[in-house]
Protein backbone atom coordinates (compact mmCIF):
# COMPACT_ATOMS: atom_id res chain seq x y z
CA MET A 1 80.32 133.67 124.87
CA LYS A 2 81.50 132.36 128.24
CA ARG A 3 79.85 129.03 127.48
CA LEU A 4 81.99 128.44 124.37
CA PRO A 5 85.18 127.20 126.09
CA LEU A 6 83.14 124.80 128.23
CA ALA A 7 81.30 123.45 125.20
CA TYR A 8 84.57 123.13 123.30
CA ALA A 9 86.14 121.21 126.19
CA LEU A 10 83.10 118.93 126.30
CA VAL A 11 83.42 118.17 122.59
CA LEU A 12 87.11 117.36 123.02
CA ALA A 13 86.33 115.10 125.95
CA ILE A 14 83.68 113.23 123.97
CA GLY A 15 86.05 112.91 121.02
CA ALA A 16 88.82 111.59 123.23
CA THR A 17 86.42 109.06 124.73
CA GLY A 18 85.39 107.95 121.26
CA PHE A 19 89.00 107.43 120.21
CA ALA A 20 89.69 105.50 123.37
CA GLN A 21 86.77 103.20 122.68
CA THR A 22 88.09 102.36 119.22
CA GLU A 23 91.35 101.02 120.63
CA THR A 24 91.43 97.25 120.37
CA ALA A 25 93.07 94.67 122.60
CA PRO A 26 96.76 93.84 121.99
CA ARG A 27 97.39 91.15 119.39
CA ASP A 28 100.25 88.72 119.54
CA LEU A 29 101.30 88.04 115.94
CA SER A 30 103.45 85.22 114.64
CA LEU A 31 104.70 85.27 111.07
CA PRO A 32 102.03 82.76 109.88
CA ASP A 33 99.40 85.04 111.48
CA VAL A 34 100.77 88.02 109.58
CA ILE A 35 100.77 86.12 106.30
CA SER A 36 97.16 85.00 106.77
CA LEU A 37 96.02 88.52 107.70
CA ALA A 38 97.83 90.07 104.75
CA LEU A 39 96.36 87.67 102.19
CA ASN A 40 92.84 88.04 103.59
CA ARG A 41 92.70 91.76 104.39
CA ASN A 42 95.12 93.68 102.18
CA LEU A 43 93.26 96.23 100.04
CA SER A 44 95.63 96.03 97.09
CA LEU A 45 94.99 92.30 96.86
CA LYS A 46 91.24 92.83 97.09
CA ARG A 47 91.41 95.32 94.20
CA SER A 48 93.27 92.76 92.12
CA GLU A 49 90.61 90.20 92.96
CA ILE A 50 87.88 92.57 91.78
CA GLN A 51 89.68 92.91 88.45
CA VAL A 52 89.47 89.13 88.05
CA GLN A 53 85.73 89.25 88.72
CA LEU A 54 85.29 92.03 86.16
CA ARG A 55 87.13 89.95 83.55
CA GLU A 56 84.96 86.95 84.38
CA ASN A 57 81.89 89.10 83.78
CA THR A 58 83.29 90.17 80.40
CA VAL A 59 83.76 86.53 79.36
CA VAL A 60 80.15 85.76 80.29
CA ALA A 61 79.01 88.73 78.21
CA GLU A 62 81.05 87.60 75.20
CA LYS A 63 79.68 84.07 75.41
CA ALA A 64 76.17 85.52 75.38
CA GLY A 65 76.89 86.91 71.91
CA PHE A 66 76.60 83.38 70.48
CA LYS A 67 73.09 82.92 71.85
CA PRO A 68 69.83 84.16 70.32
CA SER A 69 67.91 87.02 71.87
CA LEU A 70 64.22 86.80 72.73
CA THR A 71 62.10 89.87 73.42
CA ALA A 72 58.45 89.94 74.47
CA SER A 73 56.25 93.02 74.10
CA ALA A 74 52.65 93.81 74.94
CA GLY A 75 50.52 96.92 74.99
CA GLY A 76 46.96 98.21 75.07
CA THR A 77 45.11 101.38 74.10
CA LEU A 78 41.84 102.88 75.29
CA ARG A 79 40.52 105.48 72.80
CA TYR A 80 37.58 107.88 73.03
CA ALA A 81 36.81 109.68 69.76
CA GLY A 82 33.93 111.34 67.86
CA ASP A 83 32.58 110.66 64.37
CA GLY A 84 33.82 113.94 62.95
CA ARG A 85 30.34 115.39 62.32
CA SER A 86 29.11 116.16 65.83
CA PRO A 87 30.74 117.32 69.01
CA VAL A 88 32.72 114.56 70.71
CA TRP A 89 30.61 114.84 73.90
CA GLU A 90 27.49 114.11 71.83
CA SER A 91 28.63 111.37 69.45
CA GLY A 92 31.84 110.11 71.05
CA ASP A 93 32.65 106.44 71.00
CA LEU A 94 34.91 104.39 73.29
CA SER A 95 37.17 101.76 71.69
CA ASP A 96 39.99 99.58 72.95
CA SER A 97 42.82 97.63 71.35
CA ALA A 98 45.68 95.37 72.43
CA ASN A 99 48.82 93.94 70.85
CA ALA A 100 51.56 91.49 71.81
CA GLY A 101 54.60 90.04 70.16
CA LEU A 102 57.72 87.89 70.47
CA SER A 103 60.88 88.63 68.51
CA SER A 104 64.13 86.73 68.34
CA SER A 105 67.40 87.26 66.53
CA VAL A 106 70.78 85.56 66.40
CA THR A 107 74.04 86.41 64.69
CA LEU A 108 75.09 83.45 62.56
CA TYR A 109 78.31 84.91 61.25
CA ARG A 110 80.20 88.15 61.71
CA GLY A 111 83.64 87.44 60.36
CA ASP A 112 85.93 86.38 63.21
CA GLU A 113 84.60 89.03 65.56
CA LEU A 114 82.55 86.82 67.88
CA VAL A 115 85.17 84.10 68.28
CA ALA A 116 88.08 86.55 68.51
CA SER A 117 86.27 88.73 71.04
CA LEU A 118 85.59 85.72 73.25
CA GLU A 119 89.20 84.51 73.00
CA ALA A 120 90.46 88.01 73.82
CA ALA A 121 88.18 88.17 76.86
CA GLN A 122 89.40 84.77 78.04
CA SER A 123 93.03 85.85 77.59
CA ASN A 124 92.38 89.03 79.57
CA LEU A 125 90.77 86.92 82.29
CA GLU A 126 93.83 84.68 82.45
CA ALA A 127 96.03 87.77 82.60
CA SER A 128 94.03 89.19 85.51
CA GLN A 129 94.26 85.89 87.37
CA LYS A 130 98.03 85.83 86.91
CA ASP A 131 98.22 89.47 87.99
CA PHE A 132 96.33 88.46 91.13
CA ASP A 133 98.84 85.67 91.76
CA ARG A 134 101.72 88.11 91.35
CA SER A 135 100.05 90.62 93.66
CA LYS A 136 99.71 87.85 96.20
CA GLN A 137 103.44 87.14 95.96
CA SER A 138 104.27 90.82 96.32
CA ILE A 139 102.05 91.15 99.40
CA LEU A 140 103.71 88.05 100.85
CA PHE A 141 107.13 89.62 100.46
CA GLN A 142 106.04 92.95 101.91
CA SER A 143 104.30 91.40 104.92
CA VAL A 144 107.26 89.18 105.85
CA ALA A 145 109.78 91.97 105.27
CA ARG A 146 107.84 94.48 107.37
CA TYR A 147 107.30 91.97 110.14
CA LEU A 148 111.01 91.14 110.32
CA GLU A 149 111.91 94.82 110.05
CA ALA A 150 109.79 95.52 113.14
CA ASP A 151 111.58 92.70 114.95
CA LEU A 152 114.93 94.15 113.87
CA ARG A 153 113.99 97.56 115.27
CA LEU A 154 112.93 95.89 118.52
CA LYS A 155 116.32 94.20 118.80
CA GLN A 156 118.02 97.53 118.14
CA ILE A 157 116.06 98.96 121.07
CA ASP A 158 117.39 96.15 123.28
CA ILE A 159 120.95 96.78 122.13
CA GLU A 160 120.69 100.53 122.62
CA THR A 161 119.02 100.09 126.02
CA GLU A 162 121.79 97.79 127.19
CA GLU A 163 124.44 100.18 125.92
CA LEU A 164 122.76 103.13 127.64
CA SER A 165 122.66 101.18 130.90
CA THR A 166 126.36 100.38 130.60
CA ARG A 167 127.28 103.97 129.89
CA LEU A 168 125.20 105.21 132.83
CA GLU A 169 127.02 102.80 135.13
CA ASN A 170 130.35 104.00 133.76
CA LEU A 171 129.26 107.60 134.28
CA GLU A 172 128.49 106.91 137.94
CA ARG A 173 131.87 105.26 138.41
CA ILE A 174 133.75 108.05 136.63
CA GLN A 175 131.79 110.67 138.56
CA PHE A 176 132.75 108.92 141.79
CA ASP A 177 136.42 108.77 140.72
CA PHE A 178 136.32 112.45 139.77
CA GLU A 179 134.94 113.40 143.14
CA ASN A 180 137.81 111.47 144.71
CA GLU A 181 140.26 113.24 142.36
CA ILE A 182 141.13 110.05 140.50
CA ARG A 183 139.66 111.11 137.15
CA ILE A 184 139.69 114.47 135.45
CA PHE A 185 136.60 116.57 134.67
CA ALA A 186 137.06 115.96 130.93
CA ASP A 187 136.44 112.25 131.48
CA VAL A 188 133.14 113.06 133.17
CA GLN A 189 132.05 115.31 130.33
CA ARG A 190 133.11 112.81 127.70
CA GLN A 191 131.09 110.08 129.39
CA ARG A 192 128.07 112.38 129.69
CA ALA A 193 128.33 113.00 125.96
CA LEU A 194 128.30 109.24 125.39
CA VAL A 195 125.22 108.87 127.60
CA ALA A 196 123.46 111.63 125.66
CA ASP A 197 124.40 109.92 122.39
CA SER A 198 122.97 106.62 123.65
CA GLU A 199 119.75 108.35 124.67
CA ARG A 200 119.50 109.87 121.19
CA ARG A 201 120.14 106.55 119.49
CA LEU A 202 117.60 104.83 121.73
CA ALA A 203 114.97 107.46 120.86
CA VAL A 204 115.68 106.96 117.15
CA ALA A 205 115.40 103.18 117.54
CA LYS A 206 112.06 103.51 119.34
CA ARG A 207 110.73 105.85 116.67
CA SER A 208 111.84 103.43 113.93
CA TYR A 209 110.17 100.56 115.75
CA GLU A 210 106.86 102.39 116.09
CA ASN A 211 107.06 103.49 112.46
CA SER A 212 107.60 99.89 111.33
CA LEU A 213 104.59 98.77 113.37
CA TYR A 214 102.38 101.40 111.73
CA LEU A 215 103.51 100.26 108.28
CA LEU A 216 102.81 96.64 109.21
CA LYS A 217 99.34 97.47 110.52
CA ASP A 218 98.61 99.47 107.39
CA LEU A 219 99.53 96.47 105.24
CA LEU A 220 97.33 94.18 107.36
CA LEU A 221 94.46 96.71 107.45
CA LEU A 222 94.53 96.77 111.25
CA PRO A 223 93.36 99.95 113.03
CA PRO A 224 96.38 102.17 113.79
CA VAL A 225 95.49 102.19 117.50
CA THR A 226 95.73 98.39 117.67
CA LYS A 227 98.58 97.29 119.89
CA ILE A 228 100.52 94.37 118.45
CA THR A 229 103.40 92.30 119.74
CA LEU A 230 105.75 90.15 117.69
CA ASN A 231 105.99 86.45 118.42
CA LEU A 232 109.22 85.01 117.01
CA ASP A 233 109.74 82.40 119.70
CA GLY A 234 111.55 79.37 118.32
CA ALA A 235 112.13 81.01 114.94
CA ASN A 236 114.92 78.64 113.94
CA TRP A 237 114.06 79.29 110.30
CA LEU A 238 115.57 82.75 110.70
CA GLU A 239 119.02 81.42 111.64
CA PRO A 240 121.54 81.91 108.81
CA GLU A 241 122.53 78.24 108.81
CA ASN A 242 118.89 77.25 108.20
CA ILE A 243 118.40 79.51 105.19
CA SER A 244 118.55 77.38 102.06
CA GLU A 245 120.91 78.24 99.23
CA PRO A 246 119.22 79.15 95.93
CA ASN A 247 119.55 76.89 92.89
CA VAL A 248 120.51 79.47 90.28
CA GLU A 249 119.92 77.27 87.23
CA LYS A 250 116.51 76.16 88.46
CA SER A 251 115.56 79.69 89.47
CA LEU A 252 116.46 81.11 86.05
CA ALA A 253 114.14 78.55 84.47
CA SER A 254 111.39 79.42 86.98
CA VAL A 255 111.64 83.13 86.16
CA LEU A 256 110.06 82.47 82.76
CA ASP A 257 107.01 80.97 84.49
CA ARG A 258 106.57 83.89 86.86
CA PRO A 259 102.91 84.99 87.07
CA ASP A 260 103.50 88.52 85.78
CA LEU A 261 105.34 87.20 82.70
CA LEU A 262 102.52 84.77 82.02
CA ALA A 263 100.02 87.60 82.52
CA GLN A 264 101.84 89.70 79.94
CA GLN A 265 101.83 86.79 77.48
CA PHE A 266 98.05 86.53 77.89
CA ARG A 267 97.73 90.28 77.29
CA LEU A 268 99.78 89.87 74.13
CA ASP A 269 97.45 87.07 72.99
CA ALA A 270 94.46 89.31 73.67
CA ALA A 271 96.03 92.06 71.57
CA LYS A 272 96.47 89.62 68.69
CA GLN A 273 92.81 88.69 68.93
CA GLY A 274 92.03 92.40 68.83
CA ILE A 275 93.52 92.48 65.33
CA ARG A 276 91.14 89.71 64.25
CA VAL A 277 88.23 91.67 65.72
CA ALA A 278 89.25 94.78 63.79
CA GLU A 279 89.70 92.87 60.53
CA SER A 280 86.17 91.49 60.85
CA GLY A 281 84.92 94.91 59.84
CA ARG A 282 85.75 93.97 56.23
CA LYS A 283 83.76 90.74 56.22
CA ILE A 284 80.10 89.93 55.71
CA SER A 285 77.74 89.34 58.60
CA VAL A 286 74.71 87.04 58.61
CA ASN A 287 71.79 87.46 60.99
CA ALA A 288 68.60 85.45 61.40
CA SER A 289 65.38 86.76 62.93
CA ALA A 290 61.91 85.50 63.80
CA ASN A 291 58.80 87.37 64.93
CA LEU A 292 55.40 86.49 66.30
CA ARG A 293 52.78 89.27 66.50
CA THR A 294 49.08 89.44 67.30
CA SER A 295 46.53 92.17 68.09
CA TYR A 296 42.94 92.95 68.97
CA SER A 297 40.73 95.99 68.26
CA SER A 298 37.16 96.58 69.33
CA ASN A 299 36.64 98.39 65.99
CA ASN A 300 37.37 95.17 64.15
CA GLN A 301 34.10 93.36 63.48
CA PHE A 302 35.69 89.98 62.78
CA GLY A 303 35.47 88.24 66.10
CA ASN A 304 35.76 89.00 69.77
CA PHE A 305 39.01 89.37 71.75
CA GLY A 306 39.74 85.64 71.89
CA ALA A 307 39.03 85.08 68.22
CA GLN A 308 41.08 88.05 67.05
CA PHE A 309 43.99 87.70 69.48
CA PHE A 310 44.47 83.94 69.29
CA GLU A 311 42.97 82.91 65.93
CA ASN A 312 42.60 85.66 63.31
CA GLN A 313 45.44 88.11 64.00
CA PRO A 314 48.55 86.08 64.93
CA ASP A 315 51.31 86.61 62.40
CA VAL A 316 54.59 84.68 62.19
CA SER A 317 57.58 85.80 60.15
CA GLY A 318 61.19 84.84 59.79
CA GLY A 319 64.11 86.31 57.93
CA LEU A 320 67.75 86.07 57.06
CA SER A 321 69.85 89.13 56.38
CA VAL A 322 73.33 89.43 54.93
CA SER A 323 75.34 92.64 55.05
CA LEU A 324 78.64 93.51 53.42
CA PRO A 325 80.51 96.71 54.27
CA ILE A 326 81.56 98.64 51.21
CA PHE A 327 82.67 102.03 52.46
CA ASP A 328 82.92 102.93 56.15
CA ARG A 329 85.04 106.08 55.92
CA ARG A 330 88.22 104.08 56.76
CA ARG A 331 86.89 103.14 60.17
CA THR A 332 87.93 99.48 59.77
CA GLU A 333 91.36 100.44 58.45
CA THR A 334 92.10 102.73 61.38
CA ASN A 335 90.84 100.09 63.83
CA ILE A 336 93.26 97.56 62.32
CA VAL A 337 96.17 99.96 62.58
CA ARG A 338 95.28 100.74 66.20
CA ALA A 339 95.01 97.04 67.07
CA LYS A 340 98.41 96.31 65.51
CA LEU A 341 99.98 99.17 67.42
CA GLN A 342 98.48 97.77 70.62
CA ARG A 343 100.01 94.38 69.80
CA ASP A 344 103.40 96.02 69.18
CA GLN A 345 103.13 97.82 72.51
CA GLU A 346 102.38 94.55 74.33
CA GLU A 347 105.38 92.90 72.63
CA LEU A 348 107.65 95.71 73.81
CA ASP A 349 106.23 95.41 77.34
CA MET A 350 106.90 91.67 77.22
CA ALA A 351 110.51 92.18 76.18
CA ASP A 352 111.00 94.82 78.85
CA LEU A 353 109.46 92.62 81.54
CA MET A 354 111.60 89.63 80.62
CA GLN A 355 114.72 91.77 80.74
CA ALA A 356 113.75 93.26 84.09
CA ALA A 357 112.80 89.85 85.52
CA GLU A 358 116.24 88.33 84.98
CA THR A 359 118.00 91.52 86.05
CA ASP A 360 115.99 91.69 89.28
CA PHE A 361 116.74 88.04 90.00
CA ARG A 362 120.46 88.49 89.51
CA LEU A 363 120.44 91.62 91.69
CA ALA A 364 118.65 89.71 94.44
CA LEU A 365 121.21 86.92 94.13
CA LEU A 366 124.04 89.44 94.28
CA ASN A 367 122.57 91.05 97.39
CA PHE A 368 122.15 87.65 99.05
CA ASN A 369 125.73 86.59 98.43
CA SER A 370 127.02 90.00 99.51
CA THR A 371 124.98 89.89 102.72
CA LYS A 372 126.50 86.51 103.64
CA LEU A 373 129.94 88.12 103.53
CA GLN A 374 128.72 91.15 105.46
CA LEU A 375 127.22 88.94 108.17
CA LYS A 376 130.43 86.97 108.52
CA ALA A 377 132.49 90.16 108.73
CA SER A 378 130.07 91.74 111.23
CA LYS A 379 130.27 88.69 113.50
CA GLU A 380 134.06 88.73 113.39
CA LEU A 381 134.07 92.46 114.09
CA LEU A 382 131.73 92.04 117.05
CA SER A 383 133.77 89.20 118.50
CA SER A 384 137.02 91.13 118.14
CA ALA A 385 135.50 94.33 119.52
CA GLU A 386 134.21 92.54 122.62
CA VAL A 387 137.61 90.96 123.34
CA ALA A 388 139.41 94.24 122.69
CA LEU A 389 136.96 96.20 124.84
CA GLU A 390 137.38 93.81 127.74
CA ALA A 391 141.15 94.14 127.55
CA GLU A 392 141.03 97.91 127.11
CA GLN A 393 138.63 98.27 130.04
CA ALA A 394 141.11 96.40 132.23
CA ARG A 395 143.94 98.65 131.08
CA TYR A 396 141.78 101.71 131.73
CA ASN A 397 140.95 100.54 135.24
CA ALA A 398 144.68 100.08 135.81
CA GLY A 399 145.34 103.58 134.51
CA ALA A 400 147.22 102.37 131.42
CA ALA A 401 144.60 103.50 128.85
CA THR A 402 142.54 106.59 128.30
CA LEU A 403 138.78 106.87 128.44
CA LEU A 404 138.82 107.82 124.76
CA ASP A 405 140.33 104.42 123.90
CA VAL A 406 137.57 102.66 125.84
CA THR A 407 134.73 104.70 124.40
CA THR A 408 136.03 104.22 120.89
CA LEU A 409 135.91 100.45 121.33
CA GLN A 410 132.48 100.70 122.95
CA SER A 411 131.17 102.53 119.88
CA THR A 412 132.79 99.93 117.63
CA ARG A 413 131.15 97.10 119.57
CA LEU A 414 127.77 98.82 119.47
CA ASP A 415 127.93 99.39 115.72
CA ALA A 416 129.05 95.79 115.21
CA ALA A 417 126.17 94.43 117.29
CA VAL A 418 123.65 96.46 115.28
CA SER A 419 125.37 95.44 112.04
CA VAL A 420 125.04 91.74 112.93
CA GLU A 421 121.30 92.05 113.48
CA GLU A 422 120.86 94.09 110.29
CA SER A 423 122.85 91.54 108.29
CA ARG A 424 120.75 88.69 109.69
CA PHE A 425 117.62 90.56 108.63
CA ASP A 426 119.04 91.39 105.19
CA LEU A 427 120.15 87.79 104.63
CA PHE A 428 116.65 86.35 105.06
CA VAL A 429 114.92 89.19 103.21
CA ASN A 430 117.35 88.94 100.28
CA ARG A 431 116.82 85.18 100.13
CA LEU A 432 113.08 85.86 100.18
CA ASP A 433 113.58 88.38 97.38
CA ILE A 434 115.21 85.66 95.28
CA ALA A 435 112.12 83.51 95.79
CA LEU A 436 109.95 86.49 94.82
CA GLN A 437 111.92 87.12 91.65
CA ASP A 438 111.79 83.50 90.47
CA GLY A 439 108.11 83.16 91.46
CA THR A 440 108.56 80.44 94.11
CA ILE A 441 107.97 82.53 97.23
CA GLU A 442 104.99 80.48 98.45
CA ALA A 443 106.92 77.20 98.27
CA PHE A 444 109.96 78.82 99.90
CA LEU A 445 107.96 80.12 102.87
CA LEU A 446 106.12 76.83 103.41
CA ASN A 447 109.40 74.95 103.34
CA GLN A 448 111.25 77.50 105.47
CA LEU A 449 108.59 77.92 108.14
CA ASN A 450 107.76 74.20 108.11
CA THR A 451 104.17 74.90 109.10
CA LYS A 452 100.77 74.81 107.41
CA ILE A 453 99.43 78.10 106.11
CA LEU A 454 96.07 77.58 104.44
CA GLU A 455 96.39 80.63 102.18
CA LEU A 456 99.66 79.36 100.68
CA GLU A 457 98.58 75.78 99.97
């Protein structure tokens, strides 16, 4: 029993070593890097791609229904039997036989089922391809938004760190003044409370930053232990003055060509073809068949194997069959009703999607315009707070203002600085959301970033 703790510690040590070995080198990621990784590695996008491949396979299977089938068969038998009058071990006889055949059949006509089934499969394939395109756009939006959110959290850390440093310097000065009986003890305690608040806010900012990095790595399918850094050097495209204004009229027209709306239209077309397939159950079907058979038996006295198998026994036949359903226990009728209900459901989904598409676009536009006003107000607030704080700090140093007045303005300036960065982030993300809602996000990013990204071209 004394060996158990040692063994347990050894297992933990080995496990820790294994985890350490899985840690990869730090990666410096620019936004184009993130976009490329997301479009090549994201699991959701890969699942959507598999759906396209499954639909392609279905189309191939439906096309095969127009082609004839050809089946080859062959077999042989070795038989040992008696004559029925003496024991088999006394009068048994050994005989052998062989047979082979080719059979082929093709459906000449089966109502509209073959054609409608193929058209439905092709429509479902088109729908899956458009769903893939929409998934790609969604992943684009998520990857850019998460990348910029991580950068925002990093800037918040810088702001909070700077504020904490300023408050610590003020605490030292106030502590010195208190020791020289210039300031009261309440000022010291108030400043300590501000320092503690800054430490709390800095801890929250760091946690938010790490959380945003984990979400980004999850989207990019990077190991959680991978260390990444953000490279936004020279990101002029992120400046508010470089963010293009949306063309509302053009965007509203583009909404109708969004991939998910086109995908739903293809699903509706497939549902309509499903009605044709169901109605084919009432129509006649015509099938043609052909067979080639031959055989050999050692009991047959008319020729040897070659003569029987290739000359005497070959038999060729062909046929044409027509079938007409008369009573199928209402199976066709119920299939038609089900297919029509499926079409009605797809029509409702189409109407709902079109309504949601325009609503989402107008909400994104509203958020973008609102964020422009918020950014302007935040900048004005920050500028005013900095001027006011400088003046109030001078008054405080001269003994004409209280520490509470100074700390109030410091908090106002801090909130304004964070608000400016958040508004800058929201402005670009909301503009990106407009491009997502009108289906032009790839073109927007290529134009905004002004760089080549192979996956978007």
